[in-house]
């Protein structure tokens, strides 16, 4: 395995990993491939995001 492409621990510390609660899901009919619209609640700091 080539170690040139390996992430370091310092790279990992730069990540912003969050956990949210899925509060709503809809089938996305206009998508070319099967897909869903998600509303995720990330709490007071970020709020609800739609993806």
PDB file of N, CA and C in Angstrom:
ATOM      1  N   UNK A   1       0.842  -1.188   0.000  1.00  0.00           N
ATOM      2  CA  UNK A   1       0.000   0.000   0.000  1.00  0.00           C
ATOM      3  C   UNK A   1       0.882   1.244   0.000  1.00  0.00           C
ATOM      4  N   UNK A   2       0.516   2.216  -0.791  1.00  0.00           N
ATOM      5  CA  UNK A   2       1.261   3.465  -0.893  1.00  0.00           C
ATOM      6  C   UNK A   2       0.846   4.406   0.232  1.00  0.00           C
ATOM      7  N   UNK A   3       1.766   4.804   1.078  1.00  0.00           N
ATOM      8  CA  UNK A   3       1.457   5.676   2.215  1.00  0.00           C
ATOM      9  C   UNK A   3       1.383   7.149   1.849  1.00  0.00           C
ATOM     10  N   UNK A   4       1.680   7.511   0.589  1.00  0.00           N
ATOM     11  CA  UNK A   4       1.640   8.916   0.183  1.00  0.00           C
ATOM     12  C   UNK A   4       0.234   9.501   0.264  1.00  0.00           C
ATOM     13  N   UNK A   5      -0.796   8.676   0.142  1.00  0.00           N
ATOM     14  CA  UNK A   5      -2.178   9.145   0.150  1.00  0.00           C
ATOM     15  C   UNK A   5      -2.870   8.948   1.494  1.00  0.00           C
ATOM     16  N   UNK A   6      -2.124   8.543   2.503  1.00  0.00           N
ATOM     17  CA  UNK A   6      -2.712   8.284   3.817  1.00  0.00           C
ATOM     18  C   UNK A   6      -2.928   9.607   4.562  1.00  0.00           C
ATOM     19  N   UNK A   7      -4.044   9.705   5.251  1.00  0.00           N
ATOM     20  CA  UNK A   7      -4.331  10.873   6.075  1.00  0.00           C
ATOM     21  C   UNK A   7      -3.577  10.758   7.393  1.00  0.00           C
ATOM     22  N   UNK A   8      -3.182  11.891   7.913  1.00  0.00           N
ATOM     23  CA  UNK A   8      -2.497  11.920   9.203  1.00  0.00           C
ATOM     24  C   UNK A   8      -3.510  12.191  10.301  1.00  0.00           C
ATOM     25  N   UNK A   9      -3.065  12.043  11.538  1.00  0.00           N
ATOM     26  CA  UNK A   9      -3.946  12.364  12.660  1.00  0.00           C
ATOM     27  C   UNK A   9      -4.288  13.853  12.660  1.00  0.00           C
ATOM     28  N   UNK A  10      -3.362  14.700  12.242  1.00  0.00           N
ATOM     29  CA  UNK A  10      -3.651  16.141  12.150  1.00  0.00           C
ATOM     30  C   UNK A  10      -4.738  16.408  11.117  1.00  0.00           C
ATOM     31  N   UNK A  11      -4.745  15.654  10.009  1.00  0.00           N
ATOM     32  CA  UNK A  11      -5.825  15.772   9.018  1.00  0.00           C
ATOM     33  C   UNK A  11      -7.162  15.391   9.648  1.00  0.00           C
ATOM     34  N   UNK A  12      -7.170  14.309  10.403  1.00  0.00           N
ATOM     35  CA  UNK A  12      -8.385  13.838  11.056  1.00  0.00           C
ATOM     36  C   UNK A  12      -8.920  14.874  12.048  1.00  0.00           C
ATOM     37  N   UNK A  13      -8.051  15.557  12.778  1.00  0.00           N
ATOM     38  CA  UNK A  13      -8.476  16.553  13.764  1.00  0.00           C
ATOM     39  C   UNK A  13      -9.160  17.752  13.114  1.00  0.00           C
ATOM     40  N   UNK A  14      -8.934  17.980  11.822  1.00  0.00           N
ATOM     41  CA  UNK A  14      -9.547  19.105  11.106  1.00  0.00           C
ATOM     42  C   UNK A  14     -11.004  18.837  10.724  1.00  0.00           C
ATOM     43  N   UNK A  15     -11.431  17.576  10.784  1.00  0.00           N
ATOM     44  CA  UNK A  15     -12.799  17.229  10.389  1.00  0.00           C
ATOM     45  C   UNK A  15     -13.816  17.758  11.391  1.00  0.00           C
ATOM     46  N   UNK A  16     -14.980  18.125  10.883  1.00  0.00           N
ATOM     47  CA  UNK A  16     -16.101  18.554  11.724  1.00  0.00           C
ATOM     48  C   UNK A  16     -17.185  17.483  11.576  1.00  0.00           C
ATOM     49  N   UNK A  17     -17.198  16.526  12.480  1.00  0.00           N
ATOM     50  CA  UNK A  17     -18.132  15.400  12.413  1.00  0.00           C
ATOM     51  C   UNK A  17     -19.301  15.680  13.346  1.00  0.00           C
ATOM     52  N   UNK A  18     -20.501  15.594  12.830  1.00  0.00           N
ATOM     53  CA  UNK A  18     -21.697  15.897  13.620  1.00  0.00           C
ATOM     54  C   UNK A  18     -22.700  14.765  13.522  1.00  0.00           C
ATOM     55  N   UNK A  19     -23.592  14.709  14.488  1.00  0.00           N
ATOM     56  CA  UNK A  19     -24.677  13.730  14.507  1.00  0.00           C
ATOM     57  C   UNK A  19     -25.979  14.505  14.530  1.00  0.00           C
ATOM     58  N   UNK A  20     -26.937  14.069  13.707  1.00  0.00           N
ATOM     59  CA  UNK A  20     -28.234  14.716  13.673  1.00  0.00           C
ATOM     60  C   UNK A  20     -29.350  13.690  13.695  1.00  0.00           C
ATOM     61  N   UNK A  21     -30.567  14.194  13.877  1.00  0.00           N
ATOM     62  CA  UNK A  21     -31.755  13.345  13.897  1.00  0.00           C
ATOM     63  C   UNK A  21     -32.559  13.596  12.629  1.00  0.00           C
ATOM     64  N   UNK A  22     -32.825  12.543  11.871  1.00  0.00           N
ATOM     65  CA  UNK A  22     -33.649  12.661  10.667  1.00  0.00           C
ATOM     66  C   UNK A  22     -35.085  12.883  11.127  1.00  0.00           C
ATOM     67  N   UNK A  23     -35.673  14.023  10.708  1.00  0.00           N
ATOM     68  CA  UNK A  23     -37.027  14.345  11.166  1.00  0.00           C
ATOM     69  C   UNK A  23     -38.075  14.219  10.059  1.00  0.00           C
ATOM     70  N   UNK A  24     -37.616  14.163   8.784  1.00  0.00           N
ATOM     71  CA  UNK A  24     -38.566  14.037   7.685  1.00  0.00           C
ATOM     72  C   UNK A  24     -37.849  13.453   6.473  1.00  0.00           C
ATOM     73  N   UNK A  25     -38.544  12.586   5.722  1.00  0.00           N
ATOM     74  CA  UNK A  25     -37.996  11.973   4.508  1.00  0.00           C
ATOM     75  C   UNK A  25     -39.078  11.989   3.439  1.00  0.00           C
ATOM     76  N   UNK A  26     -38.697  12.394   2.221  1.00  0.00           N
ATOM     77  CA  UNK A  26     -39.616  12.351   1.075  1.00  0.00           C
ATOM     78  C   UNK A  26     -38.891  11.715  -0.105  1.00  0.00           C
ATOM     79  N   UNK A  27     -39.599  10.948  -0.910  1.00  0.00           N
ATOM     80  CA  UNK A  27     -39.041  10.413  -2.144  1.00  0.00           C
ATOM     81  C   UNK A  27     -38.852  11.568  -3.121  1.00  0.00           C
ATOM     82  N   UNK A  28     -37.693  11.640  -3.774  1.00  0.00           N
ATOM     83  CA  UNK A  28     -37.379  12.715  -4.722  1.00  0.00           C
ATOM     84  C   UNK A  28     -37.702  12.228  -6.131  1.00  0.00           C
ATOM     85  N   UNK A  29     -38.904  12.550  -6.611  1.00  0.00           N
ATOM     86  CA  UNK A  29     -39.423  12.033  -7.878  1.00  0.00           C
ATOM     87  C   UNK A  29     -38.657  12.531  -9.095  1.00  0.00           C
ATOM     88  N   UNK A  30     -38.078  13.738  -9.036  1.00  0.00           N
ATOM     89  CA  UNK A  30     -37.410  14.328 -10.195  1.00  0.00           C
ATOM     90  C   UNK A  30     -35.977  13.826 -10.383  1.00  0.00           C
ATOM     91  N   UNK A  31     -35.446  13.068  -9.443  1.00  0.00           N
ATOM     92  CA  UNK A  31     -34.073  12.572  -9.550  1.00  0.00           C
ATOM     93  C   UNK A  31     -33.961  11.515 -10.645  1.00  0.00           C
ATOM     94  N   UNK A  32     -32.810  11.491 -11.328  1.00  0.00           N
ATOM     95  CA  UNK A  32     -32.582  10.487 -12.368  1.00  0.00           C
ATOM     96  C   UNK A  32     -32.461   9.097 -11.760  1.00  0.00           C
ATOM     97  N   UNK A  33     -31.816   8.992 -10.632  1.00  0.00           N
ATOM     98  CA  UNK A  33     -31.676   7.732  -9.894  1.00  0.00           C
ATOM     99  C   UNK A  33     -32.528   7.827  -8.634  1.00  0.00           C
ATOM    100  N   UNK A  34     -32.984   6.716  -8.104  1.00  0.00           N
ATOM    101  CA  UNK A  34     -33.788   6.771  -6.882  1.00  0.00           C
ATOM    102  C   UNK A  34     -33.078   7.564  -5.785  1.00  0.00           C
ATOM    103  N   UNK A  35     -33.785   8.519  -5.206  1.00  0.00           N
ATOM    104  CA  UNK A  35     -33.190   9.380  -4.185  1.00  0.00           C
ATOM    105  C   UNK A  35     -34.266   9.850  -3.215  1.00  0.00           C
ATOM    106  N   UNK A  36     -33.825  10.373  -2.086  1.00  0.00           N
ATOM    107  CA  UNK A  36     -34.714  10.888  -1.055  1.00  0.00           C
ATOM    108  C   UNK A  36     -34.279  12.279  -0.631  1.00  0.00           C
ATOM    109  N   UNK A  37     -35.234  13.093  -0.220  1.00  0.00           N
ATOM    110  CA  UNK A  37     -34.957  14.378   0.414  1.00  0.00           C
ATOM    111  C   UNK A  37     -34.998  14.138   1.924  1.00  0.00           C
ATOM    112  N   UNK A  38     -33.981  14.623   2.624  1.00  0.00           N
ATOM    113  CA  UNK A  38     -33.902  14.441   4.070  1.00  0.00           C
ATOM    114  C   UNK A  38     -33.877  15.789   4.774  1.00  0.00           C
ATOM    115  N   UNK A  39     -34.595  15.887   5.865  1.00  0.00           N
ATOM    116  CA  UNK A  39     -34.517  17.029   6.766  1.00  0.00           C
ATOM    117  C   UNK A  39     -33.874  16.503   8.043  1.00  0.00           C
ATOM    118  N   UNK A  40     -32.728  17.080   8.393  1.00  0.00           N
ATOM    119  CA  UNK A  40     -31.962  16.591   9.538  1.00  0.00           C
ATOM    120  C   UNK A  40     -31.803  17.715  10.558  1.00  0.00           C
ATOM    121  N   UNK A  41     -32.160  17.431  11.797  1.00  0.00           N
ATOM    122  CA  UNK A  41     -32.039  18.393  12.895  1.00  0.00           C
ATOM    123  C   UNK A  41     -30.689  18.196  13.562  1.00  0.00           C
ATOM    124  N   UNK A  42     -29.830  19.222  13.462  1.00  0.00           N
ATOM    125  CA  UNK A  42     -28.505  19.189  14.067  1.00  0.00           C
ATOM    126  C   UNK A  42     -28.450  19.961  15.382  1.00  0.00           C
ATOM    127  N   UNK A  43     -29.589  20.278  15.944  1.00  0.00           N
ATOM    128  CA  UNK A  43     -29.621  20.956  17.242  1.00  0.00           C
ATOM    129  C   UNK A  43     -29.646  22.472  17.105  1.00  0.00           C
ATOM    130  N   UNK A  44     -29.570  23.133  18.254  1.00  0.00           N
ATOM    131  CA  UNK A  44     -29.715  24.594  18.302  1.00  0.00           C
ATOM    132  C   UNK A  44     -28.618  25.341  17.562  1.00  0.00           C
ATOM    133  N   UNK A  45     -27.395  24.830  17.582  1.00  0.00           N
ATOM    134  CA  UNK A  45     -26.269  25.548  16.980  1.00  0.00           C
ATOM    135  C   UNK A  45     -26.376  25.643  15.460  1.00  0.00           C
ATOM    136  N   UNK A  46     -26.820  24.566  14.809  1.00  0.00           N
ATOM    137  CA  UNK A  46     -26.889  24.523  13.353  1.00  0.00           C
ATOM    138  C   UNK A  46     -28.326  24.581  12.853  1.00  0.00           C
ATOM    139  N   UNK A  47     -29.230  23.912  13.526  1.00  0.00           N
ATOM    140  CA  UNK A  47     -30.628  23.895  13.122  1.00  0.00           C
ATOM    141  C   UNK A  47     -30.933  22.750  12.170  1.00  0.00           C
ATOM    142  N   UNK A  48     -32.019  22.897  11.417  1.00  0.00           N
ATOM    143  CA  UNK A  48     -32.492  21.856  10.499  1.00  0.00           C
ATOM    144  C   UNK A  48     -31.917  22.132   9.110  1.00  0.00           C
ATOM    145  N   UNK A  49     -31.316  21.103   8.518  1.00  0.00           N
ATOM    146  CA  UNK A  49     -30.760  21.202   7.169  1.00  0.00           C
ATOM    147  C   UNK A  49     -31.483  20.230   6.261  1.00  0.00           C
ATOM    148  N   UNK A  50     -31.713  20.627   5.009  1.00  0.00           N
ATOM    149  CA  UNK A  50     -32.366  19.783   4.015  1.00  0.00           C
ATOM    150  C   UNK A  50     -31.309  19.345   3.007  1.00  0.00           C
ATOM    151  N   UNK A  51     -31.244  18.028   2.781  1.00  0.00           N
ATOM    152  CA  UNK A  51     -30.292  17.517   1.786  1.00  0.00           C
ATOM    153  C   UNK A  51     -31.003  16.564   0.856  1.00  0.00           C
TER     154      UNK A  51
END
